[in-house]
Amino acid sequence: MMTTSQRPMSTVLFCVLLTVATSGCTSISRRETVSPHCFTNGLYGGPRSEQEPINLVRLRQDPPAVYMLGPGDTLGIYVEGVLGSRDEPPPVHFPERFQRELPPAIGYPIPIREDGTLPLPLVPPIMANGLTITQLETAIRKSYTEDQKILVPGRDRIIVTLMRPRNYKVLVIREDVQPKNVESRKESPGEFALGSERLGSATLVELRAYENDVLHALGESGGLPGVMAKNELVILRGSFDEAQDLAPLLDDIDNYIQVSDDASKDPKNVIRIPLRGRPGEPVQKLRQEDIILGNGDIVYIQSRDAEVFYTGGLLEGGQFPIPRDYDLDVLGAMAMAGGSIAAAAGGVGKNGIGAGVGSIFPPTRLLVLRVVDGRQNVIEVDLKQAMRDPGQRILIEPNDFVVLEYRPTEVVMNTILSVFQVNMSLNSLWD
């Protein structure tokens, strides 16, 4: 019959054998793992800390020193005896409430046609596209006094003013902001929600001439992209013409905007503008025509909610976002997941997760499951070495799965010490 002193020893041996056998069935062998040094530089353009934000001035067009007229401008024209009676003063038009910065305009409203000409009575249309106000006034005077001889040179009274500058309608689709009015679209004209459950908004903005650029479009639709947005803007040229075309676009935005991850394969009407990059990259060659917007253009800001990593094993299971503008290594990922980085490395998760076999010897084996070119790679990180060797602290990439586990020797030692503590407690009770 087994004595009392023999019973604890047999229990220890049984637990050790059972634990080792069980861990051997579930753990990934060392031969199936790869070294973390193969992945130090990351897979998505290298460390994010090396990137710098783009100069925001590059997203704004350079306005000319003097306003240049174009199709869509509405001018105030007064030609005494032709457009206006000699016995009456010329009409004065005061700007509307949202155009308070414009001075009052004098004359009768006449818009510039799509072909850039200005229609006036008794004379042929005058080309106004690309002219200044002063140059157009000179051209009108010449047409009435020299070309058609309707007015007497020196006794003519001709006034040309800018009554309403041309505007450009641009649609800004953002997945990083919530519309101001989700419940009722009718109370918020020009702003729409992206579906009933999806975060994000679509705002139809009107940009004045020489302010029709990316920077002003962002300012009119909620500001610069937030941390939940990708560091990239996508511009789709002339993707809609009328407001009624917005409904089908908003209902199926993902299928409508089919943008390849490879910028070299994008069609000519798709322009990608990275908001961060390394000095000397092509973003520095951004041209003015790339950021100038026209009627029907779409500015698309995508969400980065898919840039997450997952945790498991001795770490409490969960999903965590990857920081957008700085690097996150394996130690930072453990800390974010609630793991303890002790002096000897390792630790257990929140609320004592992983302490089932004891935690006197902390776990030091961290596995990062990463899919590369359709093939899963298991990267093994030794947490003891990671405290000293930066090459072990690989950067976390989107969709990585971080698993913390004990090594077989750590399981054995923790099991022995745990059973020993239980044995000592039982012996104290028996005594």
Protein backbone atom coordinates (compact mmCIF):
# COMPACT_ATOMS: atom_id res chain seq x y z
CA MET A 1 0.00 0.00 0.00
CA MET A 2 1.32 3.47 -1.02
CA THR A 3 2.50 5.60 1.91
CA THR A 4 1.61 9.22 2.42
CA SER A 5 5.14 10.38 1.44
CA GLN A 6 5.01 8.37 -1.78
CA ARG A 7 1.62 9.73 -2.91
CA PRO A 8 2.74 13.34 -3.64
CA MET A 9 5.76 12.10 -5.66
CA SER A 10 3.62 9.91 -7.88
CA THR A 11 1.20 12.77 -8.36
CA VAL A 12 4.03 15.03 -9.48
CA LEU A 13 5.32 12.49 -11.99
CA PHE A 14 1.85 11.89 -13.37
CA CYS A 15 1.16 15.63 -13.82
CA VAL A 16 4.55 16.22 -15.47
CA LEU A 17 4.09 13.38 -17.94
CA LEU A 18 0.52 14.44 -18.71
CA THR A 19 1.48 18.08 -19.25
CA VAL A 20 4.46 17.31 -21.47
CA ALA A 21 2.43 14.91 -23.57
CA THR A 22 -0.41 17.39 -23.95
CA SER A 23 1.83 20.32 -24.80
CA GLY A 24 3.63 18.25 -27.41
CA CYS A 25 0.35 17.65 -29.23
CA THR A 26 -0.80 21.28 -29.36
CA SER A 27 2.40 23.32 -29.62
CA ILE A 28 4.07 24.23 -32.91
CA SER A 29 7.49 22.63 -33.25
CA ARG A 30 10.57 24.76 -33.71
CA ARG A 31 11.17 23.29 -37.16
CA GLU A 32 7.89 24.85 -38.37
CA THR A 33 8.83 28.38 -37.34
CA VAL A 34 10.98 31.04 -39.02
CA SER A 35 13.38 33.54 -37.54
CA PRO A 36 12.06 37.04 -36.78
CA HIS A 37 15.13 38.54 -38.48
CA CYS A 38 13.52 37.71 -41.84
CA PHE A 39 10.66 40.13 -41.12
CA THR A 40 12.35 43.01 -39.31
CA ASN A 41 11.63 45.59 -42.00
CA GLY A 42 7.96 44.68 -42.33
CA LEU A 43 5.94 43.99 -45.45
CA TYR A 44 4.11 47.30 -46.00
CA GLY A 45 6.78 49.77 -47.00
CA GLY A 46 9.02 49.46 -43.96
CA PRO A 47 8.72 51.11 -40.56
CA ARG A 48 6.02 53.75 -40.30
CA SER A 49 8.22 55.90 -38.08
CA GLU A 50 10.42 56.70 -41.10
CA GLN A 51 7.48 58.33 -42.91
CA GLU A 52 6.76 62.04 -42.79
CA PRO A 53 3.41 63.78 -43.32
CA ILE A 54 2.96 65.48 -46.67
CA ASN A 55 3.22 69.25 -46.75
CA LEU A 56 -0.43 70.36 -46.77
CA VAL A 57 0.46 73.24 -49.09
CA ARG A 58 0.83 70.61 -51.82
CA LEU A 59 -2.90 69.89 -51.55
CA ARG A 60 -3.79 73.52 -52.36
CA GLN A 61 -3.54 75.08 -55.80
CA ASP A 62 -1.58 78.25 -56.34
CA PRO A 63 -4.10 81.00 -57.13
CA PRO A 64 -3.13 83.63 -59.71
CA ALA A 65 -2.30 87.16 -58.63
CA VAL A 66 -5.40 88.43 -60.51
CA TYR A 67 -8.69 86.58 -60.97
CA MET A 68 -8.89 84.95 -64.41
CA LEU A 69 -12.35 84.64 -65.91
CA GLY A 70 -13.78 81.36 -67.14
CA PRO A 71 -17.01 79.55 -68.09
CA GLY A 72 -19.55 79.75 -65.28
CA ASP A 73 -18.57 83.19 -64.00
CA THR A 74 -21.45 85.64 -63.74
CA LEU A 75 -20.45 89.21 -64.52
CA GLY A 76 -22.13 92.53 -63.86
CA ILE A 77 -22.10 94.44 -67.18
CA TYR A 78 -23.18 98.05 -67.72
CA VAL A 79 -22.92 99.70 -71.15
CA GLU A 80 -24.61 103.08 -71.10
CA GLY A 81 -27.17 103.35 -73.88
CA VAL A 82 -27.05 99.61 -74.65
CA LEU A 83 -27.29 97.78 -71.31
CA GLY A 84 -28.85 100.49 -69.20
CA SER A 85 -30.52 103.84 -69.85
CA ARG A 86 -28.60 107.13 -69.80
CA ASP A 87 -31.25 108.59 -67.50
CA GLU A 88 -30.99 105.89 -64.83
CA PRO A 89 -28.08 104.89 -62.59
CA PRO A 90 -26.61 101.41 -63.14
CA PRO A 91 -28.07 98.66 -60.94
CA VAL A 92 -26.11 97.55 -57.89
CA HIS A 93 -26.11 93.93 -56.75
CA PHE A 94 -25.12 93.15 -53.18
CA PRO A 95 -23.55 89.73 -52.51
CA GLU A 96 -25.54 86.99 -50.85
CA ARG A 97 -25.03 86.03 -47.22
CA PHE A 98 -22.49 83.30 -47.95
CA GLN A 99 -20.54 85.62 -50.27
CA ARG A 100 -19.97 88.52 -47.89
CA GLU A 101 -16.29 88.73 -48.83
CA LEU A 102 -17.22 89.82 -52.37
CA PRO A 103 -17.71 93.56 -53.05
CA PRO A 104 -21.01 94.84 -54.49
CA ALA A 105 -21.33 94.30 -58.25
CA ILE A 106 -22.52 96.94 -60.70
CA GLY A 107 -24.44 96.14 -63.86
CA TYR A 108 -26.73 93.51 -65.29
CA PRO A 109 -25.93 89.82 -64.65
CA ILE A 110 -24.56 88.04 -67.72
CA PRO A 111 -22.88 84.61 -67.36
CA ILE A 112 -19.94 83.45 -69.44
CA ARG A 113 -20.92 80.59 -71.72
CA GLU A 114 -19.42 77.10 -71.71
CA ASP A 115 -17.30 78.01 -74.74
CA GLY A 116 -15.81 80.94 -72.81
CA THR A 117 -17.60 83.72 -74.69
CA LEU A 118 -19.66 86.58 -73.27
CA PRO A 119 -22.91 87.37 -75.16
CA LEU A 120 -23.70 91.09 -75.44
CA PRO A 121 -26.37 92.92 -77.46
CA LEU A 122 -25.55 94.43 -80.88
CA VAL A 123 -22.02 92.95 -81.01
CA PRO A 124 -20.63 89.46 -81.68
CA PRO A 125 -19.81 87.31 -78.61
CA ILE A 126 -16.57 88.35 -76.96
CA MET A 127 -14.05 85.75 -75.79
CA ALA A 128 -13.71 86.19 -72.02
CA ASN A 129 -12.02 82.94 -71.00
CA GLY A 130 -8.56 83.56 -69.54
CA LEU A 131 -8.97 87.36 -69.34
CA THR A 132 -8.93 89.58 -66.29
CA ILE A 133 -11.77 91.98 -65.49
CA THR A 134 -9.73 94.90 -66.83
CA GLN A 135 -8.79 93.06 -70.02
CA LEU A 136 -12.43 92.11 -70.68
CA GLU A 137 -13.58 95.69 -70.14
CA THR A 138 -11.02 96.82 -72.71
CA ALA A 139 -12.22 94.18 -75.17
CA ILE A 140 -15.88 95.25 -74.71
CA ARG A 141 -14.98 98.90 -75.24
CA LYS A 142 -13.09 98.08 -78.40
CA SER A 143 -16.01 96.04 -79.73
CA TYR A 144 -18.55 98.88 -79.21
CA THR A 145 -16.35 101.84 -80.21
CA GLU A 146 -13.97 100.54 -82.88
CA ASP A 147 -15.30 97.28 -84.31
CA GLN A 148 -19.03 98.15 -84.49
CA LYS A 149 -18.81 101.95 -83.94
CA ILE A 150 -21.95 101.94 -81.81
CA LEU A 151 -20.50 104.20 -79.12
CA VAL A 152 -18.33 107.31 -79.47
CA PRO A 153 -14.75 106.72 -78.28
CA GLY A 154 -14.00 108.71 -75.13
CA ARG A 155 -17.68 109.27 -74.33
CA ASP A 156 -18.56 105.64 -73.57
CA ARG A 157 -19.42 104.44 -70.09
CA ILE A 158 -18.67 100.73 -69.66
CA ILE A 159 -18.44 98.94 -66.28
CA VAL A 160 -17.48 95.27 -65.78
CA THR A 161 -17.56 93.65 -62.32
CA LEU A 162 -17.53 90.09 -60.98
CA MET A 163 -20.97 89.34 -59.61
CA ARG A 164 -20.68 85.62 -58.80
CA PRO A 165 -17.56 83.50 -59.36
CA ARG A 166 -17.88 80.05 -60.91
CA ASN A 167 -18.29 77.06 -58.60
CA TYR A 168 -17.38 73.39 -58.91
CA LYS A 169 -19.49 70.60 -57.40
CA VAL A 170 -17.36 67.89 -55.81
CA LEU A 171 -18.46 64.81 -53.86
CA VAL A 172 -16.37 63.95 -50.79
CA ILE A 173 -16.91 60.41 -49.49
CA ARG A 174 -15.43 59.81 -46.05
CA GLU A 175 -15.39 56.65 -44.01
CA ASP A 176 -13.68 58.30 -41.03
CA VAL A 177 -16.46 60.69 -39.96
CA GLN A 178 -20.12 60.41 -39.08
CA PRO A 179 -22.59 62.68 -40.89
CA LYS A 180 -24.06 65.49 -38.80
CA ASN A 181 -27.60 64.35 -39.51
CA VAL A 182 -27.98 60.60 -39.95
CA GLU A 183 -31.70 60.44 -39.20
CA SER A 184 -32.96 62.77 -41.90
CA ARG A 185 -31.17 63.45 -45.14
CA LYS A 186 -33.71 66.08 -46.16
CA GLU A 187 -32.69 68.41 -43.32
CA SER A 188 -29.05 68.33 -44.38
CA PRO A 189 -28.89 69.02 -48.13
CA GLY A 190 -25.68 67.89 -49.76
CA GLU A 191 -24.80 65.46 -46.96
CA PHE A 192 -25.69 61.77 -46.99
CA ALA A 193 -25.05 58.76 -44.76
CA LEU A 194 -23.34 55.70 -46.23
CA GLY A 195 -26.09 53.17 -45.60
CA SER A 196 -27.99 52.56 -42.38
CA GLU A 197 -25.28 50.71 -40.45
CA ARG A 198 -22.08 51.87 -42.06
CA LEU A 199 -20.05 54.70 -40.59
CA GLY A 200 -19.09 57.50 -42.89
CA SER A 201 -20.67 60.25 -44.93
CA ALA A 202 -20.86 61.67 -48.42
CA THR A 203 -20.91 65.45 -48.75
CA LEU A 204 -21.61 67.37 -51.93
CA VAL A 205 -19.57 70.58 -51.64
CA GLU A 206 -19.37 73.61 -53.90
CA LEU A 207 -15.90 75.06 -54.26
CA ARG A 208 -15.22 78.49 -55.68
CA ALA A 209 -12.77 78.94 -58.52
CA TYR A 210 -9.13 78.75 -57.39
CA GLU A 211 -10.34 77.07 -54.19
CA ASN A 212 -11.40 73.91 -56.01
CA ASP A 213 -8.61 71.75 -54.65
CA VAL A 214 -8.21 68.83 -52.26
CA LEU A 215 -7.37 70.93 -49.20
CA HIS A 216 -10.51 73.07 -49.49
CA ALA A 217 -12.66 69.99 -50.18
CA LEU A 218 -11.42 68.42 -46.95
CA GLY A 219 -12.04 71.62 -45.04
CA GLU A 220 -15.65 71.75 -46.27
CA SER A 221 -16.36 68.10 -45.39
CA GLY A 222 -14.99 67.67 -41.87
CA GLY A 223 -11.29 68.54 -41.89
CA LEU A 224 -8.19 66.49 -42.47
CA PRO A 225 -8.47 62.67 -42.33
CA GLY A 226 -8.52 61.35 -38.77
CA VAL A 227 -6.66 58.40 -37.26
CA MET A 228 -9.37 56.02 -38.47
CA ALA A 229 -8.65 56.91 -42.11
CA LYS A 230 -5.93 55.55 -44.35
CA ASN A 231 -2.96 57.76 -45.07
CA GLU A 232 -4.16 58.11 -48.64
CA LEU A 233 -6.67 60.03 -50.73
CA VAL A 234 -8.25 58.68 -53.90
CA ILE A 235 -9.61 61.06 -56.54
CA LEU A 236 -11.98 59.77 -59.21
CA ARG A 237 -12.36 62.19 -62.11
CA GLY A 238 -15.85 63.01 -63.35
CA SER A 239 -17.59 60.06 -61.69
CA PHE A 240 -21.05 61.66 -61.41
CA ASP A 241 -22.88 64.45 -63.24
CA GLU A 242 -26.11 65.19 -61.42
CA ALA A 243 -27.26 65.00 -57.79
CA GLN A 244 -29.70 62.19 -58.58
CA ASP A 245 -26.77 60.02 -59.60
CA LEU A 246 -25.59 59.93 -55.97
CA ALA A 247 -28.23 57.48 -54.72
CA PRO A 248 -26.97 54.32 -56.52
CA LEU A 249 -23.38 55.32 -55.79
CA LEU A 250 -24.00 55.57 -52.04
CA ASP A 251 -25.90 52.29 -51.94
CA ASP A 252 -23.00 50.29 -53.40
CA ILE A 253 -19.91 52.39 -52.88
CA ASP A 254 -17.43 49.50 -52.62
CA ASN A 255 -18.40 48.01 -55.98
CA TYR A 256 -18.62 51.42 -57.63
CA ILE A 257 -15.15 52.47 -56.58
CA GLN A 258 -12.93 49.63 -57.75
CA VAL A 259 -9.44 50.82 -56.95
CA SER A 260 -6.49 48.49 -57.25
CA ASP A 261 -3.89 48.26 -54.49
CA ASP A 262 -1.26 48.67 -57.19
CA ALA A 263 -1.21 52.36 -58.14
CA SER A 264 0.47 51.57 -61.47
CA LYS A 265 -2.66 49.63 -62.54
CA ASP A 266 -5.13 52.42 -61.75
CA PRO A 267 -6.90 53.95 -64.74
CA LYS A 268 -6.04 57.47 -65.81
CA ASN A 269 -9.13 58.90 -64.10
CA VAL A 270 -7.97 57.61 -60.69
CA ILE A 271 -5.36 59.59 -58.75
CA ARG A 272 -3.83 58.41 -55.49
CA ILE A 273 -2.33 60.94 -53.09
CA PRO A 274 -0.45 59.47 -50.08
CA LEU A 275 -0.60 61.68 -47.01
CA ARG A 276 2.64 60.28 -45.57
CA GLY A 277 5.79 59.06 -47.21
CA ARG A 278 9.57 59.01 -47.12
CA PRO A 279 11.64 61.94 -48.37
CA GLY A 280 12.32 61.56 -52.07
CA GLU A 281 9.32 59.36 -52.84
CA PRO A 282 7.02 60.16 -55.81
CA VAL A 283 4.62 62.00 -53.52
CA GLN A 284 7.08 64.88 -53.66
CA LYS A 285 6.39 65.12 -57.43
CA LEU A 286 2.70 65.86 -56.93
CA ARG A 287 1.52 68.15 -59.71
CA GLN A 288 -0.95 71.02 -59.51
CA GLU A 289 -3.33 69.33 -61.94
CA ASP A 290 -3.46 66.30 -59.63
CA ILE A 291 -5.01 68.20 -56.73
CA ILE A 292 -7.29 70.56 -58.69
CA LEU A 293 -10.90 69.34 -58.72
CA GLY A 294 -13.59 69.80 -61.33
CA ASN A 295 -17.32 69.21 -61.63
CA GLY A 296 -18.24 65.60 -60.94
CA ASP A 297 -14.97 64.64 -59.24
CA ILE A 298 -15.04 62.39 -56.18
CA VAL A 299 -12.62 62.56 -53.25
CA TYR A 300 -12.65 59.20 -51.47
CA ILE A 301 -11.19 58.69 -47.97
CA GLN A 302 -11.13 55.02 -47.01
CA SER A 303 -11.36 53.65 -43.48
CA ARG A 304 -8.50 51.69 -41.99
CA ASP A 305 -10.69 49.63 -39.65
CA ALA A 306 -9.28 46.45 -41.24
CA GLU A 307 -5.74 47.25 -40.02
CA VAL A 308 -5.92 45.18 -36.83
CA PHE A 309 -4.06 42.33 -35.17
CA TYR A 310 -5.35 39.48 -33.01
CA THR A 311 -4.12 37.88 -29.79
CA GLY A 312 -4.55 34.47 -28.21
CA GLY A 313 -2.88 31.78 -26.13
CA LEU A 314 -1.82 33.08 -22.73
CA LEU A 315 -2.81 36.58 -23.85
CA GLU A 316 -6.44 37.42 -23.52
CA GLY A 317 -8.05 36.91 -26.91
CA GLY A 318 -9.04 40.07 -28.71
CA GLN A 319 -8.77 42.34 -31.72
CA PHE A 320 -6.68 45.53 -31.52
CA PRO A 321 -6.11 48.37 -34.01
CA ILE A 322 -2.62 49.00 -35.35
CA PRO A 323 -1.43 52.59 -34.86
CA ARG A 324 -1.51 54.55 -38.09
CA ASP A 325 1.47 56.87 -37.76
CA TYR A 326 4.00 54.97 -35.67
CA ASP A 327 5.44 51.47 -35.37
CA LEU A 328 4.12 48.74 -33.10
CA ASP A 329 6.48 45.86 -32.28
CA VAL A 330 5.70 42.56 -30.59
CA LEU A 331 6.42 43.90 -27.10
CA GLY A 332 4.10 46.83 -27.68
CA ALA A 333 1.43 44.46 -28.98
CA MET A 334 1.70 42.37 -25.79
CA ALA A 335 1.37 45.48 -23.65
CA MET A 336 -1.66 46.62 -25.67
CA ALA A 337 -3.26 43.20 -25.16
CA GLY A 338 -2.69 43.34 -21.40
CA GLY A 339 0.37 41.08 -21.23
CA SER A 340 3.05 41.65 -18.61
CA ILE A 341 6.61 42.37 -19.76
CA ALA A 342 8.58 41.23 -16.72
CA ALA A 343 12.32 41.46 -16.20
CA ALA A 344 12.68 37.94 -17.50
CA ALA A 345 10.14 38.70 -20.25
CA GLY A 346 6.80 37.00 -20.72
CA GLY A 347 3.91 37.23 -18.30
CA VAL A 348 0.25 36.44 -18.25
CA GLY A 349 -2.78 38.26 -19.59
CA LYS A 350 -5.42 40.33 -17.86
CA ASN A 351 -7.18 38.94 -14.82
CA GLY A 352 -4.58 36.19 -14.46
CA ILE A 353 -5.30 34.60 -17.85
CA GLY A 354 -2.80 31.83 -18.46
CA ALA A 355 -1.97 31.14 -14.82
CA GLY A 356 -3.47 27.68 -14.85
CA VAL A 357 -0.12 25.88 -14.66
CA GLY A 358 1.52 28.46 -12.47
CA SER A 359 3.37 31.63 -13.36
CA ILE A 360 6.62 31.36 -11.39
CA PHE A 361 8.47 30.85 -14.65
CA PRO A 362 6.98 33.36 -17.13
CA PRO A 363 6.28 32.29 -20.72
CA THR A 364 8.98 33.34 -23.17
CA ARG A 365 7.72 31.93 -26.48
CA LEU A 366 5.77 34.33 -28.64
CA LEU A 367 4.43 33.18 -32.01
CA VAL A 368 3.35 35.60 -34.73
CA LEU A 369 1.18 33.97 -37.40
CA ARG A 370 1.49 35.97 -40.62
CA VAL A 371 0.22 35.23 -44.12
CA VAL A 372 2.65 36.16 -46.90
CA ASP A 373 1.75 35.51 -50.56
CA GLY A 374 -1.04 33.18 -49.49
CA ARG A 375 1.20 31.09 -47.25
CA GLN A 376 1.14 31.18 -43.47
CA ASN A 377 4.44 31.81 -41.72
CA VAL A 378 4.95 31.17 -38.01
CA ILE A 379 7.50 33.60 -36.62
CA GLU A 380 8.96 32.57 -33.27
CA VAL A 381 10.15 35.33 -30.95
CA ASP A 382 12.20 34.57 -27.86
CA LEU A 383 11.06 37.18 -25.36
CA LYS A 384 14.25 36.87 -23.33
CA GLN A 385 16.31 37.74 -26.39
CA ALA A 386 13.83 40.38 -27.50
CA MET A 387 14.61 42.41 -24.39
CA ARG A 388 18.21 42.72 -25.61
CA ASP A 389 18.12 42.14 -29.37
CA PRO A 390 16.10 44.68 -31.42
CA GLY A 391 16.10 42.23 -34.31
CA GLN A 392 13.73 40.00 -32.34
CA ARG A 393 11.20 42.82 -31.91
CA ILE A 394 9.52 42.56 -35.29
CA LEU A 395 6.87 45.06 -36.32
CA ILE A 396 3.23 44.02 -36.19
CA GLU A 397 1.45 44.01 -39.55
CA PRO A 398 -2.30 43.96 -40.34
CA ASN A 399 -4.01 40.61 -39.65
CA ASP A 400 -1.11 39.22 -37.60
CA PHE A 401 -2.12 36.71 -34.92
CA VAL A 402 0.02 36.99 -31.78
CA VAL A 403 0.07 33.90 -29.53
CA LEU A 404 1.91 33.73 -26.22
CA GLU A 405 2.71 30.27 -24.84
CA TYR A 406 5.00 28.41 -22.48
CA ARG A 407 7.96 26.41 -23.64
CA PRO A 408 7.86 22.73 -22.61
CA THR A 409 10.54 23.27 -19.95
CA GLU A 410 8.59 26.20 -18.51
CA VAL A 411 5.45 24.07 -18.36
CA VAL A 412 7.34 21.29 -16.54
CA MET A 413 8.97 23.62 -14.02
CA ASN A 414 5.76 25.53 -13.31
CA THR A 415 3.87 22.24 -12.90
CA ILE A 416 6.44 20.81 -10.52
CA LEU A 417 6.52 23.97 -8.42
CA SER A 418 2.75 24.25 -8.38
CA VAL A 419 2.30 20.63 -7.27
CA PHE A 420 5.08 21.07 -4.74
CA GLN A 421 3.25 24.04 -3.24
CA VAL A 422 0.03 22.01 -3.10
CA ASN A 423 1.91 19.10 -1.53
CA MET A 424 3.38 21.34 1.14
CA SER A 425 -0.06 22.70 1.92
CA LEU A 426 -1.54 19.21 2.19
CA ASN A 427 1.32 18.04 4.40
CA SER A 428 0.74 20.97 6.70
CA LEU A 429 -2.90 19.91 6.99
CA TRP A 430 -2.03 16.27 7.59
CA ASP A 431 0.49 17.20 10.24
